Amino acid sequence: MTTTSSTSSSPSPALVPAGLLDADATVEHLCDGFLFTEGPVWNPLEQRLYFHDLMGDARWRWSDAAGLELVAQPSGKGNGMTYEQDMTLVICQHNLSRLLAYRPDGHVDVLASHWEGRELNSPNDVVAHSDGRLFFSDPSYGRLAEPGIERDQDLDFQGLYMLTAGTRELRLLRGDFGQPNGVCLSPDESVLYVNDTPRARIRALRVSTDGEVLEDRVFADEIGDGSIEIGAVDGMKCDEHGNVWVSGPGGLWVFDPDGQRIGVVSVPEVVGNLAWGGADRTELFICATSSLYRLRTAVRGRREPFMPVNG
């Protein structure tokens, strides 16, 4: 692995509104040597970023102070991650078709592995609501020879799920995706955004606490052509103002809360996922194929439930 502090070319100010990026913002290269980076999440207590090398079957962490450190290998080809309010680390295990919870006391629990007696496909990305609910996507990518383990699919659909607060009952929200992928919540947590990768679109859902879908609409469409090789809708996060930042052809596409594209941030490699972190949530970490990058933004990321109120 290589750790550097070099920078790529700066994104054009003409492509991104000044309120989101400073005029001199650059995409900073932090480290490389990975096969396919994914699932970044910022730990505010440790001031470290955790992420996966999906193809390399490893979990890593990075910080300014310590640089790059290996955390676990193998990792079950871990993918998307989030923390809950008590700093339980929730991980999508691509290869093992399950959602895991790593408790602060060291216990590991399986949160979800089957739907109505059939094994899940390959949980991909997960987001936590402040009321305790968890939402996760379950495409079939982990059942392919690459990036997963080739095996038959038990389910005949690719779904979006919710785990209820408290009892952690599994609810199927929708099973009509081509391939559900990245998930994120709006700043007020009223809207759940979900990518459908082969259809090159983002859907926006409003979901009740018991799992009833109150609204389901297309938020943004024609984000490339669905080709993963040139960049597709995959990882996604909201900033504090409700703008949606999502991977797409050429880097990161930015949409306002009404679904209008307002900019594109150029990234040197195909982007897999992203996450805000840093002491003030203005450091946007970008997992892009073989490398980890950082972009300092003029806007903060949405405050996740595990983030300090003033941080």
C-alpha atoms as a PDB file:
ATOM      1  CA  MET A   1       0.000   0.000   0.000  1.00  0.00           C
ATOM      2  CA  THR A   2       1.057   3.554  -0.662  1.00  0.00           C
ATOM      3  CA  THR A   3       0.210   6.551   1.504  1.00  0.00           C
ATOM      4  CA  THR A   4       0.773   9.996   0.012  1.00  0.00           C
ATOM      5  CA  SER A   5      -0.424  13.563   0.368  1.00  0.00           C
ATOM      6  CA  SER A   6      -0.359  14.505  -3.296  1.00  0.00           C
ATOM      7  CA  THR A   7      -3.296  16.290  -4.902  1.00  0.00           C
ATOM      8  CA  SER A   8      -5.084  15.795  -8.187  1.00  0.00           C
ATOM      9  CA  SER A   9      -6.255  18.566 -10.447  1.00  0.00           C
ATOM     10  CA  SER A  10      -8.809  20.891  -8.920  1.00  0.00           C
ATOM     11  CA  PRO A  11     -12.485  20.484  -9.879  1.00  0.00           C
ATOM     12  CA  SER A  12     -13.676  23.344 -12.057  1.00  0.00           C
ATOM     13  CA  PRO A  13     -15.470  26.026 -10.015  1.00  0.00           C
ATOM     14  CA  ALA A  14     -17.835  26.409 -12.962  1.00  0.00           C
ATOM     15  CA  LEU A  15     -19.156  22.897 -12.368  1.00  0.00           C
ATOM     16  CA  VAL A  16     -19.856  23.197  -8.651  1.00  0.00           C
ATOM     17  CA  PRO A  17     -21.627  26.109  -6.907  1.00  0.00           C
ATOM     18  CA  ALA A  18     -19.302  28.238  -4.778  1.00  0.00           C
ATOM     19  CA  GLY A  19     -21.432  27.548  -1.705  1.00  0.00           C
ATOM     20  CA  LEU A  20     -20.458  23.887  -1.798  1.00  0.00           C
ATOM     21  CA  LEU A  21     -16.760  24.087  -2.649  1.00  0.00           C
ATOM     22  CA  ASP A  22     -14.171  26.799  -2.211  1.00  0.00           C
ATOM     23  CA  ALA A  23     -12.650  28.098  -5.435  1.00  0.00           C
ATOM     24  CA  ASP A  24      -9.296  26.466  -4.641  1.00  0.00           C
ATOM     25  CA  ALA A  25     -10.694  23.074  -3.554  1.00  0.00           C
ATOM     26  CA  THR A  26      -8.704  20.065  -4.745  1.00  0.00           C
ATOM     27  CA  VAL A  27      -9.213  16.310  -4.640  1.00  0.00           C
ATOM     28  CA  GLU A  28      -6.392  15.127  -2.401  1.00  0.00           C
ATOM     29  CA  HIS A  29      -4.935  11.655  -2.889  1.00  0.00           C
ATOM     30  CA  LEU A  30      -4.423   9.938   0.498  1.00  0.00           C
ATOM     31  CA  CYS A  31      -3.427   6.335  -0.256  1.00  0.00           C
ATOM     32  CA  ASP A  32      -3.695   3.643  -2.905  1.00  0.00           C
ATOM     33  CA  GLY A  33      -2.893   0.028  -3.782  1.00  0.00           C
ATOM     34  CA  PHE A  34      -6.387  -1.347  -3.223  1.00  0.00           C
ATOM     35  CA  LEU A  35      -8.494  -3.463  -5.595  1.00  0.00           C
ATOM     36  CA  PHE A  36     -11.835  -1.689  -5.033  1.00  0.00           C
ATOM     37  CA  THR A  37     -12.523   0.653  -2.119  1.00  0.00           C
ATOM     38  CA  GLU A  38     -15.996   0.876  -0.583  1.00  0.00           C
ATOM     39  CA  GLY A  39     -18.126   1.581   2.476  1.00  0.00           C
ATOM     40  CA  PRO A  40     -16.375   4.522   4.217  1.00  0.00           C
ATOM     41  CA  VAL A  41     -17.563   5.662   7.646  1.00  0.00           C
ATOM     42  CA  TRP A  42     -16.042   8.239   9.986  1.00  0.00           C
ATOM     43  CA  ASN A  43     -15.474   7.390  13.647  1.00  0.00           C
ATOM     44  CA  PRO A  44     -15.792  10.717  15.534  1.00  0.00           C
ATOM     45  CA  LEU A  45     -14.405   9.293  18.787  1.00  0.00           C
ATOM     46  CA  GLU A  46     -11.207   8.020  17.204  1.00  0.00           C
ATOM     47  CA  GLN A  47     -11.038  10.684  14.485  1.00  0.00           C
ATOM     48  CA  ARG A  48     -10.424   7.924  11.945  1.00  0.00           C
ATOM     49  CA  LEU A  49     -12.026   6.806   8.714  1.00  0.00           C
ATOM     50  CA  TYR A  50     -12.865   3.125   8.317  1.00  0.00           C
ATOM     51  CA  PHE A  51     -13.386   1.644   4.847  1.00  0.00           C
ATOM     52  CA  HIS A  52     -13.240  -1.633   2.949  1.00  0.00           C
ATOM     53  CA  ASP A  53     -11.210  -2.944   0.084  1.00  0.00           C
ATOM     54  CA  LEU A  54     -14.094  -5.021  -1.253  1.00  0.00           C
ATOM     55  CA  MET A  55     -12.135  -7.061  -3.806  1.00  0.00           C
ATOM     56  CA  GLY A  56      -9.168  -7.356  -1.441  1.00  0.00           C
ATOM     57  CA  ASP A  57     -11.443  -8.706   1.314  1.00  0.00           C
ATOM     58  CA  ALA A  58     -10.025  -6.331   3.934  1.00  0.00           C
ATOM     59  CA  ARG A  59     -11.130  -3.579   6.309  1.00  0.00           C
ATOM     60  CA  TRP A  60      -8.806  -0.596   6.738  1.00  0.00           C
ATOM     61  CA  ARG A  61      -8.687   2.619   8.705  1.00  0.00           C
ATOM     62  CA  TRP A  62      -6.963   5.900   7.955  1.00  0.00           C
ATOM     63  CA  SER A  63      -6.147   9.041   9.926  1.00  0.00           C
ATOM     64  CA  ASP A  64      -3.893  12.061   9.536  1.00  0.00           C
ATOM     65  CA  ALA A  65      -2.040  11.024  12.688  1.00  0.00           C
ATOM     66  CA  ALA A  66      -1.429   7.327  11.984  1.00  0.00           C
ATOM     67  CA  GLY A  67      -1.901   7.005   8.244  1.00  0.00           C
ATOM     68  CA  LEU A  68      -3.175   3.681   6.873  1.00  0.00           C
ATOM     69  CA  GLU A  69      -3.741   0.673   9.163  1.00  0.00           C
ATOM     70  CA  LEU A  70      -5.128  -2.796   8.439  1.00  0.00           C
ATOM     71  CA  VAL A  71      -8.064  -3.706  10.707  1.00  0.00           C
ATOM     72  CA  ALA A  72      -9.313  -7.082   9.443  1.00  0.00           C
ATOM     73  CA  GLN A  73      -8.537  -9.543   6.664  1.00  0.00           C
ATOM     74  CA  PRO A  74     -10.563 -11.424   5.590  1.00  0.00           C
ATOM     75  CA  SER A  75     -13.619  -9.245   6.140  1.00  0.00           C
ATOM     76  CA  GLY A  76     -16.344 -11.354   4.485  1.00  0.00           C
ATOM     77  CA  LYS A  77     -15.869  -8.903   1.619  1.00  0.00           C
ATOM     78  CA  GLY A  78     -17.366  -6.168   3.766  1.00  0.00           C
ATOM     79  CA  ASN A  79     -19.112  -3.352   1.946  1.00  0.00           C
ATOM     80  CA  GLY A  80     -21.245  -0.504   3.346  1.00  0.00           C
ATOM     81  CA  MET A  81     -20.924   0.493   7.005  1.00  0.00           C
ATOM     82  CA  THR A  82     -22.490   2.827   9.524  1.00  0.00           C
ATOM     83  CA  TYR A  83     -22.477   3.392  13.269  1.00  0.00           C
ATOM     84  CA  GLU A  84     -25.485   3.475  15.560  1.00  0.00           C
ATOM     85  CA  GLN A  85     -25.826   6.032  18.333  1.00  0.00           C
ATOM     86  CA  ASP A  86     -24.045   3.787  20.851  1.00  0.00           C
ATOM     87  CA  MET A  87     -21.158   3.346  18.351  1.00  0.00           C
ATOM     88  CA  THR A  88     -22.178  -0.168  17.353  1.00  0.00           C
ATOM     89  CA  LEU A  89     -20.553  -0.701  13.961  1.00  0.00           C
ATOM     90  CA  VAL A  90     -23.012  -2.124  11.410  1.00  0.00           C
ATOM     91  CA  ILE A  91     -21.429  -3.855   8.411  1.00  0.00           C
ATOM     92  CA  CYS A  92     -22.853  -5.265   5.179  1.00  0.00           C
ATOM     93  CA  GLN A  93     -21.054  -8.549   4.473  1.00  0.00           C
ATOM     94  CA  HIS A  94     -21.115  -9.031   0.733  1.00  0.00           C
ATOM     95  CA  ASN A  95     -19.892 -12.640   0.645  1.00  0.00           C
ATOM     96  CA  LEU A  96     -21.759 -13.975   3.680  1.00  0.00           C
ATOM     97  CA  SER A  97     -25.137 -12.410   2.786  1.00  0.00           C
ATOM     98  CA  ARG A  98     -25.750 -10.825   6.159  1.00  0.00           C
ATOM     99  CA  LEU A  99     -25.854  -7.603   8.140  1.00  0.00           C
ATOM    100  CA  LEU A 100     -23.606  -7.670  11.224  1.00  0.00           C
ATOM    101  CA  ALA A 101     -23.413  -5.551  14.367  1.00  0.00           C
ATOM    102  CA  TYR A 102     -20.075  -5.149  16.142  1.00  0.00           C
ATOM    103  CA  ARG A 103     -20.987  -3.977  19.667  1.00  0.00           C
ATOM    104  CA  PRO A 104     -18.689  -1.654  21.653  1.00  0.00           C
ATOM    105  CA  ASP A 105     -18.290  -4.450  24.242  1.00  0.00           C
ATOM    106  CA  GLY A 106     -16.902  -6.808  21.584  1.00  0.00           C
ATOM    107  CA  HIS A 107     -20.004  -8.900  20.940  1.00  0.00           C
ATOM    108  CA  VAL A 108     -20.955  -9.562  17.316  1.00  0.00           C
ATOM    109  CA  ASP A 109     -24.610 -10.065  16.365  1.00  0.00           C
ATOM    110  CA  VAL A 110     -26.217 -11.059  13.084  1.00  0.00           C
ATOM    111  CA  LEU A 111     -28.950  -8.479  12.468  1.00  0.00           C
ATOM    112  CA  ALA A 112     -30.286  -9.948   9.222  1.00  0.00           C
ATOM    113  CA  SER A 113     -29.441 -12.935   7.038  1.00  0.00           C
ATOM    114  CA  HIS A 114     -32.736 -14.297   5.663  1.00  0.00           C
ATOM    115  CA  TRP A 115     -36.072 -13.092   4.343  1.00  0.00           C
ATOM    116  CA  GLU A 116     -38.994 -15.508   4.847  1.00  0.00           C
ATOM    117  CA  GLY A 117     -36.601 -18.435   5.216  1.00  0.00           C
ATOM    118  CA  ARG A 118     -34.504 -17.612   2.155  1.00  0.00           C
ATOM    119  CA  GLU A 119     -30.968 -16.260   2.359  1.00  0.00           C
ATOM    120  CA  LEU A 120     -30.488 -12.620   1.515  1.00  0.00           C
ATOM    121  CA  ASN A 121     -28.628 -11.807  -1.696  1.00  0.00           C
ATOM    122  CA  SER A 122     -25.661  -9.682  -0.569  1.00  0.00           C
ATOM    123  CA  PRO A 123     -26.334  -6.658   1.666  1.00  0.00           C
ATOM    124  CA  ASN A 124     -24.559  -3.702   0.090  1.00  0.00           C
ATOM    125  CA  ASP A 125     -25.131  -0.402   1.905  1.00  0.00           C
ATOM    126  CA  VAL A 126     -26.758   0.656   5.170  1.00  0.00           C
ATOM    127  CA  VAL A 127     -27.888   3.848   6.892  1.00  0.00           C
ATOM    128  CA  ALA A 128     -29.088   4.439  10.465  1.00  0.00           C
ATOM    129  CA  HIS A 129     -32.052   6.599  11.509  1.00  0.00           C
ATOM    130  CA  SER A 130     -31.839   8.422  14.839  1.00  0.00           C
ATOM    131  CA  ASP A 131     -34.950   6.589  16.072  1.00  0.00           C
ATOM    132  CA  GLY A 132     -33.079   3.281  15.860  1.00  0.00           C
ATOM    133  CA  ARG A 133     -34.234   2.001  12.484  1.00  0.00           C
ATOM    134  CA  LEU A 134     -31.747   0.650   9.950  1.00  0.00           C
ATOM    135  CA  PHE A 135     -32.247   0.679   6.183  1.00  0.00           C
ATOM    136  CA  PHE A 136     -30.156  -1.472   3.850  1.00  0.00           C
ATOM    137  CA  SER A 137     -30.015  -2.499   0.198  1.00  0.00           C
ATOM    138  CA  ASP A 138     -29.673  -6.106  -0.968  1.00  0.00           C
ATOM    139  CA  PRO A 139     -28.560  -6.444  -4.613  1.00  0.00           C
ATOM    140  CA  SER A 140     -27.174  -9.662  -6.064  1.00  0.00           C
ATOM    141  CA  TYR A 141     -23.649  -8.383  -6.796  1.00  0.00           C
ATOM    142  CA  GLY A 142     -22.098 -10.522  -4.056  1.00  0.00           C
ATOM    143  CA  ARG A 143     -23.354 -13.661  -5.803  1.00  0.00           C
ATOM    144  CA  LEU A 144     -21.309 -12.943  -8.911  1.00  0.00           C
ATOM    145  CA  ALA A 145     -17.809 -14.371  -9.390  1.00  0.00           C
ATOM    146  CA  GLU A 146     -16.549 -10.792  -9.125  1.00  0.00           C
ATOM    147  CA  PRO A 147     -16.859  -8.965  -6.796  1.00  0.00           C
ATOM    148  CA  GLY A 148     -18.311 -11.763  -4.665  1.00  0.00           C
ATOM    149  CA  ILE A 149     -18.592 -15.558  -4.640  1.00  0.00           C
ATOM    150  CA  GLU A 150     -20.504 -17.127  -7.509  1.00  0.00           C
ATOM    151  CA  ARG A 151     -23.565 -18.908  -6.150  1.00  0.00           C
ATOM    152  CA  ASP A 152     -27.269 -19.299  -6.842  1.00  0.00           C
ATOM    153  CA  GLN A 153     -29.691 -16.648  -5.653  1.00  0.00           C
ATOM    154  CA  ASP A 154     -32.311 -17.834  -3.154  1.00  0.00           C
ATOM    155  CA  LEU A 155     -34.517 -14.777  -3.601  1.00  0.00           C
ATOM    156  CA  ASP A 156     -36.074 -13.931  -6.969  1.00  0.00           C
ATOM    157  CA  PHE A 157     -35.790 -10.169  -6.409  1.00  0.00           C
ATOM    158  CA  GLN A 158     -33.340  -7.504  -5.245  1.00  0.00           C
ATOM    159  CA  GLY A 159     -34.811  -5.645  -2.295  1.00  0.00           C
ATOM    160  CA  LEU A 160     -34.669  -2.675   0.024  1.00  0.00           C
ATOM    161  CA  TYR A 161     -35.190  -3.530   3.708  1.00  0.00           C
ATOM    162  CA  MET A 162     -35.813  -1.881   7.047  1.00  0.00           C
ATOM    163  CA  LEU A 163     -35.002  -3.197  10.506  1.00  0.00           C
ATOM    164  CA  THR A 164     -37.440  -1.746  13.020  1.00  0.00           C
ATOM    165  CA  ALA A 165     -36.236   0.027  16.146  1.00  0.00           C
ATOM    166  CA  GLY A 166     -36.191  -2.010  19.341  1.00  0.00           C
ATOM    167  CA  THR A 167     -37.477  -5.397  18.153  1.00  0.00           C
ATOM    168  CA  ARG A 168     -35.363  -5.303  14.981  1.00  0.00           C
ATOM    169  CA  GLU A 169     -38.019  -6.979  12.853  1.00  0.00           C
ATOM    170  CA  LEU A 170     -37.048  -7.192   9.190  1.00  0.00           C
ATOM    171  CA  ARG A 171     -39.442  -5.474   6.775  1.00  0.00           C
ATOM    172  CA  LEU A 172     -39.220  -5.607   2.986  1.00  0.00           C
ATOM    173  CA  LEU A 173     -39.915  -2.089   1.715  1.00  0.00           C
ATOM    174  CA  ARG A 174     -39.542  -2.641  -2.025  1.00  0.00           C
ATOM    175  CA  GLY A 175     -38.499  -5.560  -4.236  1.00  0.00           C
ATOM    176  CA  ASP A 176     -38.762  -3.951  -7.674  1.00  0.00           C
ATOM    177  CA  PHE A 177     -35.204  -2.670  -8.163  1.00  0.00           C
ATOM    178  CA  GLY A 178     -32.853  -3.631 -10.961  1.00  0.00           C
ATOM    179  CA  GLN A 179     -30.072  -3.522  -8.345  1.00  0.00           C
ATOM    180  CA  PRO A 180     -30.562  -1.383  -5.208  1.00  0.00           C
ATOM    181  CA  ASN A 181     -27.259   0.065  -4.103  1.00  0.00           C
ATOM    182  CA  GLY A 182     -26.306   3.203  -2.136  1.00  0.00           C
ATOM    183  CA  VAL A 183     -28.676   4.494   0.561  1.00  0.00           C
ATOM    184  CA  CYS A 184     -28.769   7.734   2.560  1.00  0.00           C
ATOM    185  CA  LEU A 185     -31.197   9.901   4.513  1.00  0.00           C
ATOM    186  CA  SER A 186     -32.123  13.564   4.146  1.00  0.00           C
ATOM    187  CA  PRO A 187     -30.984  15.930   6.945  1.00  0.00           C
ATOM    188  CA  ASP A 188     -34.384  15.748   8.670  1.00  0.00           C
ATOM    189  CA  GLU A 189     -34.484  11.950   8.083  1.00  0.00           C
ATOM    190  CA  SER A 190     -37.879  12.167   6.383  1.00  0.00           C
ATOM    191  CA  VAL A 191     -36.626  10.981   2.975  1.00  0.00           C
ATOM    192  CA  LEU A 192     -34.727   7.781   2.242  1.00  0.00           C
ATOM    193  CA  TYR A 193     -32.722   7.940  -0.984  1.00  0.00           C
ATOM    194  CA  VAL A 194     -31.880   4.683  -2.775  1.00  0.00           C
ATOM    195  CA  ASN A 195     -29.846   4.147  -5.931  1.00  0.00           C
ATOM    196  CA  ASP A 196     -30.926   1.724  -8.649  1.00  0.00           C
ATOM    197  CA  THR A 197     -27.633   1.150 -10.441  1.00  0.00           C
ATOM    198  CA  PRO A 198     -28.579  -0.485 -13.783  1.00  0.00           C
ATOM    199  CA  ARG A 199     -31.469   1.965 -14.223  1.00  0.00           C
ATOM    200  CA  ALA A 200     -29.134   4.921 -13.500  1.00  0.00           C
ATOM    201  CA  ARG A 201     -31.551   6.591 -11.106  1.00  0.00           C
ATOM    202  CA  ILE A 202     -32.154   7.626  -7.517  1.00  0.00           C
ATOM    203  CA  ARG A 203     -35.490   6.943  -5.853  1.00  0.00           C
ATOM    204  CA  ALA A 204     -36.827   8.900  -2.876  1.00  0.00           C
ATOM    205  CA  LEU A 205     -39.050   7.150  -0.334  1.00  0.00           C
ATOM    206  CA  ARG A 206     -40.935   8.263   2.740  1.00  0.00           C
ATOM    207  CA  VAL A 207     -41.270   5.385   5.183  1.00  0.00           C
ATOM    208  CA  SER A 208     -43.317   5.143   8.388  1.00  0.00           C
ATOM    209  CA  THR A 209     -41.839   3.752  11.592  1.00  0.00           C
ATOM    210  CA  ASP A 210     -43.610   0.414  11.004  1.00  0.00           C
ATOM    211  CA  GLY A 211     -42.289   0.055   7.457  1.00  0.00           C
ATOM    212  CA  GLU A 212     -45.161   1.382   5.368  1.00  0.00           C
ATOM    213  CA  VAL A 213     -43.929   3.194   2.259  1.00  0.00           C
ATOM    214  CA  LEU A 214     -45.893   6.444   2.194  1.00  0.00           C
ATOM    215  CA  GLU A 215     -44.260   7.843  -0.944  1.00  0.00           C
ATOM    216  CA  ASP A 216     -41.983   6.411  -3.637  1.00  0.00           C
ATOM    217  CA  ARG A 217     -40.805   8.610  -6.503  1.00  0.00           C
ATOM    218  CA  VAL A 218     -37.922   9.017  -8.915  1.00  0.00           C
ATOM    219  CA  PHE A 219     -35.681  11.735  -7.510  1.00  0.00           C
ATOM    220  CA  ALA A 220     -33.074  11.863 -10.303  1.00  0.00           C
ATOM    221  CA  ASP A 221     -32.739   9.927 -13.544  1.00  0.00           C
ATOM    222  CA  GLU A 222     -30.265   9.309 -16.373  1.00  0.00           C
ATOM    223  CA  ILE A 223     -27.171   9.463 -14.175  1.00  0.00           C
ATOM    224  CA  GLY A 224     -24.967   7.959 -16.843  1.00  0.00           C
ATOM    225  CA  ASP A 225     -26.055   4.706 -18.459  1.00  0.00           C
ATOM    226  CA  GLY A 226     -25.670   2.297 -15.539  1.00  0.00           C
ATOM    227  CA  SER A 227     -22.197   1.186 -16.594  1.00  0.00           C
ATOM    228  CA  ILE A 228     -20.058   0.500 -13.531  1.00  0.00           C
ATOM    229  CA  GLU A 229     -16.886   0.639 -15.639  1.00  0.00           C
ATOM    230  CA  ILE A 230     -17.240   4.377 -16.365  1.00  0.00           C
ATOM    231  CA  GLY A 231     -18.973   5.316 -13.114  1.00  0.00           C
ATOM    232  CA  ALA A 232     -22.528   4.592 -12.011  1.00  0.00           C
ATOM    233  CA  VAL A 233     -24.919   5.496  -9.199  1.00  0.00           C
ATOM    234  CA  ASP A 234     -23.390   3.622  -6.285  1.00  0.00           C
ATOM    235  CA  GLY A 235     -22.381   5.429  -3.076  1.00  0.00           C
ATOM    236  CA  MET A 236     -24.414   8.443  -1.950  1.00  0.00           C
ATOM    237  CA  LYS A 237     -24.635  10.954   0.918  1.00  0.00           C
ATOM    238  CA  CYS A 238     -26.560  14.147   1.769  1.00  0.00           C
ATOM    239  CA  ASP A 239     -24.973  17.364   2.944  1.00  0.00           C
ATOM    240  CA  GLU A 240     -26.428  19.526   5.698  1.00  0.00           C
ATOM    241  CA  HIS A 241     -28.596  21.466   3.218  1.00  0.00           C
ATOM    242  CA  GLY A 242     -30.159  18.384   1.659  1.00  0.00           C
ATOM    243  CA  ASN A 243     -28.066  18.293  -1.499  1.00  0.00           C
ATOM    244  CA  VAL A 244     -27.408  14.729  -2.653  1.00  0.00           C
ATOM    245  CA  TRP A 245     -23.825  13.801  -3.608  1.00  0.00           C
ATOM    246  CA  VAL A 246     -23.647  10.555  -5.595  1.00  0.00           C
ATOM    247  CA  SER A 247     -21.117   8.633  -7.637  1.00  0.00           C
ATOM    248  CA  GLY A 248     -21.545   8.876 -11.392  1.00  0.00           C
ATOM    249  CA  PRO A 249     -19.621   9.124 -14.657  1.00  0.00           C
ATOM    250  CA  GLY A 250     -16.550  11.300 -14.122  1.00  0.00           C
ATOM    251  CA  GLY A 251     -16.734  11.524 -10.338  1.00  0.00           C
ATOM    252  CA  LEU A 252     -19.404  12.899  -7.994  1.00  0.00           C
ATOM    253  CA  TRP A 253     -22.704  14.306  -9.244  1.00  0.00           C
ATOM    254  CA  VAL A 254     -24.458  16.813  -6.977  1.00  0.00           C
ATOM    255  CA  PHE A 255     -28.244  17.289  -6.941  1.00  0.00           C
ATOM    256  CA  ASP A 256     -30.240  19.892  -5.045  1.00  0.00           C
ATOM    257  CA  PRO A 257     -33.171  18.778  -2.821  1.00  0.00           C
ATOM    258  CA  ASP A 258     -35.522  19.102  -5.821  1.00  0.00           C
ATOM    259  CA  GLY A 259     -33.510  16.626  -7.867  1.00  0.00           C
ATOM    260  CA  GLN A 260     -31.857  19.158 -10.192  1.00  0.00           C
ATOM    261  CA  ARG A 261     -28.216  18.491 -11.006  1.00  0.00           C
ATOM    262  CA  ILE A 262     -26.169  21.458  -9.821  1.00  0.00           C
ATOM    263  CA  GLY A 263     -22.610  20.246 -10.324  1.00  0.00           C
ATOM    264  CA  VAL A 264     -20.048  17.542 -10.939  1.00  0.00           C
ATOM    265  CA  VAL A 265     -16.827  17.071  -8.976  1.00  0.00           C
ATOM    266  CA  SER A 266     -14.128  15.480 -11.122  1.00  0.00           C
ATOM    267  CA  VAL A 267     -12.375  12.494  -9.502  1.00  0.00           C
ATOM    268  CA  PRO A 268      -9.426  10.704 -11.169  1.00  0.00           C
ATOM    269  CA  GLU A 269     -10.888   7.190 -10.673  1.00  0.00           C
ATOM    270  CA  VAL A 270     -14.334   5.597 -10.724  1.00  0.00           C
ATOM    271  CA  VAL A 271     -16.041   6.393  -7.408  1.00  0.00           C
ATOM    272  CA  GLY A 272     -17.541   3.627  -5.293  1.00  0.00           C
ATOM    273  CA  ASN A 273     -18.678   5.495  -2.181  1.00  0.00           C
ATOM    274  CA  LEU A 274     -18.165   8.578  -0.008  1.00  0.00           C
ATOM    275  CA  ALA A 275     -18.532   9.830   3.551  1.00  0.00           C
ATOM    276  CA  TRP A 276     -18.070  13.113   5.376  1.00  0.00           C
ATOM    277  CA  GLY A 277     -15.801  13.261   8.396  1.00  0.00           C
ATOM    278  CA  GLY A 278     -13.171  15.354  10.101  1.00  0.00           C
ATOM    279  CA  ALA A 279     -13.583  17.395  13.260  1.00  0.00           C
ATOM    280  CA  ASP A 280     -16.203  19.670  11.676  1.00  0.00           C
ATOM    281  CA  ARG A 281     -17.675  17.301   9.020  1.00  0.00           C
ATOM    282  CA  THR A 282     -16.248  19.269   6.094  1.00  0.00           C
ATOM    283  CA  GLU A 283     -13.832  16.589   4.909  1.00  0.00           C
ATOM    284  CA  LEU A 284     -15.427  14.457   2.209  1.00  0.00           C
ATOM    285  CA  PHE A 285     -13.659  11.108   1.905  1.00  0.00           C
ATOM    286  CA  ILE A 286     -14.014   9.428  -1.480  1.00  0.00           C
ATOM    287  CA  CYS A 287     -13.475   5.715  -2.102  1.00  0.00           C
ATOM    288  CA  ALA A 288     -12.512   5.473  -5.768  1.00  0.00           C
ATOM    289  CA  THR A 289     -11.380   2.126  -7.180  1.00  0.00           C
ATOM    290  CA  SER A 290      -7.742   1.705  -6.060  1.00  0.00           C
ATOM    291  CA  SER A 291      -7.461   4.855  -3.932  1.00  0.00           C
ATOM    292  CA  LEU A 292      -8.802   6.894  -1.060  1.00  0.00           C
ATOM    293  CA  TYR A 293      -9.214  10.647  -1.686  1.00  0.00           C
ATOM    294  CA  ARG A 294     -10.267  13.647   0.406  1.00  0.00           C
ATOM    295  CA  LEU A 295     -12.078  16.806  -0.661  1.00  0.00           C
ATOM    296  CA  ARG A 296     -12.501  19.681   1.793  1.00  0.00           C
ATOM    297  CA  THR A 297     -15.944  21.181   1.248  1.00  0.00           C
ATOM    298  CA  ALA A 298     -17.546  24.504   2.120  1.00  0.00           C
ATOM    299  CA  VAL A 299     -20.602  22.631   3.380  1.00  0.00           C
ATOM    300  CA  ARG A 300     -20.845  20.034   6.129  1.00  0.00           C
ATOM    301  CA  GLY A 301     -22.165  16.544   5.662  1.00  0.00           C
ATOM    302  CA  ARG A 302     -25.508  15.585   7.155  1.00  0.00           C
ATOM    303  CA  ARG A 303     -25.106  14.882  10.843  1.00  0.00           C
ATOM    304  CA  GLU A 304     -25.446  11.139  11.225  1.00  0.00           C
ATOM    305  CA  PRO A 305     -27.030   9.902  14.500  1.00  0.00           C
ATOM    306  CA  PHE A 306     -23.615   8.911  15.874  1.00  0.00           C
ATOM    307  CA  MET A 307     -22.044  12.292  15.181  1.00  0.00           C
ATOM    308  CA  PRO A 308     -21.646  14.839  18.023  1.00  0.00           C
ATOM    309  CA  VAL A 309     -24.242  17.605  17.919  1.00  0.00           C
ATOM    310  CA  ASN A 310     -21.567  20.282  17.641  1.00  0.00           C
ATOM    311  CA  GLY A 311     -19.206  18.279  15.460  1.00  0.00           C
END
